[in-house]
């Protein structure tokens, strides 16, 4: 695993429906971008020296923003189109 200061550590949920944690990597303590990383976790606000496990990956700030834009577009109400049945019952 390789990271640099300003990258994000993403830890996927370990079980189905588990939460995904995001942490800003503030310091890299290993050689050539290797762990451990000092991570500022967004869910708790705590900072911790972290040795990521196999359920973790690193993304750049730009990659994280791109993922957020895609997710926002996916869940946006702009994509909602009422069914024919709901528009008929509204007019009745």
C-alpha atoms as a PDB file:
ATOM      1  CA  UNK A   1       0.000   0.000   0.000  1.00  0.00           C
ATOM      2  CA  UNK A   2       1.274   3.466  -0.919  1.00  0.00           C
ATOM      3  CA  UNK A   3       0.005   6.804   0.380  1.00  0.00           C
ATOM      4  CA  UNK A   4       1.092  10.376   0.796  1.00  0.00           C
ATOM      5  CA  UNK A   5      -0.036  13.142   3.101  1.00  0.00           C
ATOM      6  CA  UNK A   6      -3.446  14.427   1.978  1.00  0.00           C
ATOM      7  CA  UNK A   7      -4.645  11.073   0.612  1.00  0.00           C
ATOM      8  CA  UNK A   8      -7.657   9.323   2.108  1.00  0.00           C
ATOM      9  CA  UNK A   9      -7.761   5.928   3.764  1.00  0.00           C
ATOM     10  CA  UNK A  10     -11.031   4.130   3.060  1.00  0.00           C
ATOM     11  CA  UNK A  11     -11.910   1.131   5.231  1.00  0.00           C
ATOM     12  CA  UNK A  12     -14.772  -0.930   3.876  1.00  0.00           C
ATOM     13  CA  UNK A  13     -17.279  -2.477   6.273  1.00  0.00           C
ATOM     14  CA  UNK A  14     -16.274  -5.919   7.481  1.00  0.00           C
ATOM     15  CA  UNK A  15     -19.820  -7.243   7.335  1.00  0.00           C
ATOM     16  CA  UNK A  16     -22.744  -6.835   4.982  1.00  0.00           C
ATOM     17  CA  UNK A  17     -24.258  -3.423   5.628  1.00  0.00           C
ATOM     18  CA  UNK A  18     -21.244  -2.361   7.684  1.00  0.00           C
ATOM     19  CA  UNK A  19     -20.157   1.224   7.669  1.00  0.00           C
ATOM     20  CA  UNK A  20     -17.392   2.581   5.474  1.00  0.00           C
ATOM     21  CA  UNK A  21     -14.840   4.730   7.308  1.00  0.00           C
ATOM     22  CA  UNK A  22     -12.978   7.638   5.745  1.00  0.00           C
ATOM     23  CA  UNK A  23      -9.820   9.055   7.210  1.00  0.00           C
ATOM     24  CA  UNK A  24      -7.500  11.819   6.052  1.00  0.00           C
ATOM     25  CA  UNK A  25      -3.883  10.711   6.066  1.00  0.00           C
ATOM     26  CA  UNK A  26      -1.987  13.444   7.905  1.00  0.00           C
ATOM     27  CA  UNK A  27       1.395  11.732   8.222  1.00  0.00           C
ATOM     28  CA  UNK A  28       3.122   8.779   6.571  1.00  0.00           C
ATOM     29  CA  UNK A  29       5.500   6.981   8.923  1.00  0.00           C
ATOM     30  CA  UNK A  30       6.643   4.106   6.690  1.00  0.00           C
ATOM     31  CA  UNK A  31       9.269   4.119   3.970  1.00  0.00           C
ATOM     32  CA  UNK A  32       8.223   5.188   0.483  1.00  0.00           C
ATOM     33  CA  UNK A  33       4.570   5.736   1.419  1.00  0.00           C
ATOM     34  CA  UNK A  34       4.133   2.531   3.390  1.00  0.00           C
ATOM     35  CA  UNK A  35       2.109   2.268   6.620  1.00  0.00           C
ATOM     36  CA  UNK A  36       1.689   3.159   9.388  1.00  0.00           C
ATOM     37  CA  UNK A  37      -0.274   6.329   8.754  1.00  0.00           C
ATOM     38  CA  UNK A  38      -1.480   8.999  11.156  1.00  0.00           C
ATOM     39  CA  UNK A  39      -5.148   9.166  10.181  1.00  0.00           C
ATOM     40  CA  UNK A  40      -7.770  11.744  11.156  1.00  0.00           C
ATOM     41  CA  UNK A  41     -11.047   9.813  11.084  1.00  0.00           C
ATOM     42  CA  UNK A  42     -14.094  11.719   9.859  1.00  0.00           C
ATOM     43  CA  UNK A  43     -16.636   9.663  11.814  1.00  0.00           C
ATOM     44  CA  UNK A  44     -15.102  10.160  15.262  1.00  0.00           C
ATOM     45  CA  UNK A  45     -12.770  13.129  14.814  1.00  0.00           C
ATOM     46  CA  UNK A  46      -9.988  11.117  16.454  1.00  0.00           C
ATOM     47  CA  UNK A  47      -6.459  10.792  15.146  1.00  0.00           C
ATOM     48  CA  UNK A  48      -4.767   7.408  15.318  1.00  0.00           C
ATOM     49  CA  UNK A  49      -1.640   5.714  14.074  1.00  0.00           C
ATOM     50  CA  UNK A  50      -3.110   3.118  11.725  1.00  0.00           C
ATOM     51  CA  UNK A  51      -1.823  -0.049  10.101  1.00  0.00           C
ATOM     52  CA  UNK A  52      -4.469  -0.658   7.394  1.00  0.00           C
ATOM     53  CA  UNK A  53      -5.802  -4.170   6.930  1.00  0.00           C
ATOM     54  CA  UNK A  54      -6.910  -5.982   3.765  1.00  0.00           C
ATOM     55  CA  UNK A  55     -10.292  -4.224   3.842  1.00  0.00           C
ATOM     56  CA  UNK A  56      -8.656  -0.803   3.330  1.00  0.00           C
ATOM     57  CA  UNK A  57      -7.461   1.153   0.312  1.00  0.00           C
ATOM     58  CA  UNK A  58      -5.999   4.579  -0.371  1.00  0.00           C
ATOM     59  CA  UNK A  59      -7.469   7.158  -2.749  1.00  0.00           C
ATOM     60  CA  UNK A  60      -6.311  10.631  -3.655  1.00  0.00           C
ATOM     61  CA  UNK A  61      -8.407  13.679  -2.842  1.00  0.00           C
ATOM     62  CA  UNK A  62      -9.426  13.971  -6.519  1.00  0.00           C
ATOM     63  CA  UNK A  63     -10.463  10.307  -6.683  1.00  0.00           C
ATOM     64  CA  UNK A  64     -12.581  10.660  -3.538  1.00  0.00           C
ATOM     65  CA  UNK A  65     -14.311  13.780  -4.897  1.00  0.00           C
ATOM     66  CA  UNK A  66     -15.042  12.006  -8.196  1.00  0.00           C
ATOM     67  CA  UNK A  67     -16.606   9.090  -6.292  1.00  0.00           C
ATOM     68  CA  UNK A  68     -18.745  11.521  -4.291  1.00  0.00           C
ATOM     69  CA  UNK A  69     -19.971  13.264  -7.460  1.00  0.00           C
ATOM     70  CA  UNK A  70     -20.961   9.923  -8.970  1.00  0.00           C
ATOM     71  CA  UNK A  71     -22.749   8.865  -5.780  1.00  0.00           C
ATOM     72  CA  UNK A  72     -24.566  12.208  -5.529  1.00  0.00           C
ATOM     73  CA  UNK A  73     -25.744  11.928  -9.122  1.00  0.00           C
ATOM     74  CA  UNK A  74     -26.895   8.362  -8.520  1.00  0.00           C
ATOM     75  CA  UNK A  75     -29.001   9.309  -5.500  1.00  0.00           C
ATOM     76  CA  UNK A  76     -30.153  12.693  -6.777  1.00  0.00           C
ATOM     77  CA  UNK A  77     -33.878  13.408  -6.909  1.00  0.00           C
ATOM     78  CA  UNK A  78     -33.327  14.771 -10.425  1.00  0.00           C
ATOM     79  CA  UNK A  79     -33.363  11.182 -11.625  1.00  0.00           C
ATOM     80  CA  UNK A  80     -36.733  10.530 -10.040  1.00  0.00           C
ATOM     81  CA  UNK A  81     -39.617  10.253 -12.440  1.00  0.00           C
ATOM     82  CA  UNK A  82     -43.038   9.532 -11.001  1.00  0.00           C
ATOM     83  CA  UNK A  83     -44.805   6.486 -12.360  1.00  0.00           C
ATOM     84  CA  UNK A  84     -47.812   6.858 -14.598  1.00  0.00           C
ATOM     85  CA  UNK A  85     -50.045   5.532 -11.813  1.00  0.00           C
ATOM     86  CA  UNK A  86     -48.906   8.206  -9.291  1.00  0.00           C
ATOM     87  CA  UNK A  87     -49.534  11.041 -11.768  1.00  0.00           C
ATOM     88  CA  UNK A  88     -53.017   9.722 -12.592  1.00  0.00           C
ATOM     89  CA  UNK A  89     -54.025   9.416  -8.937  1.00  0.00           C
ATOM     90  CA  UNK A  90     -52.727  12.930  -8.225  1.00  0.00           C
ATOM     91  CA  UNK A  91     -55.062  14.370 -10.860  1.00  0.00           C
ATOM     92  CA  UNK A  92     -58.104  12.414  -9.696  1.00  0.00           C
END
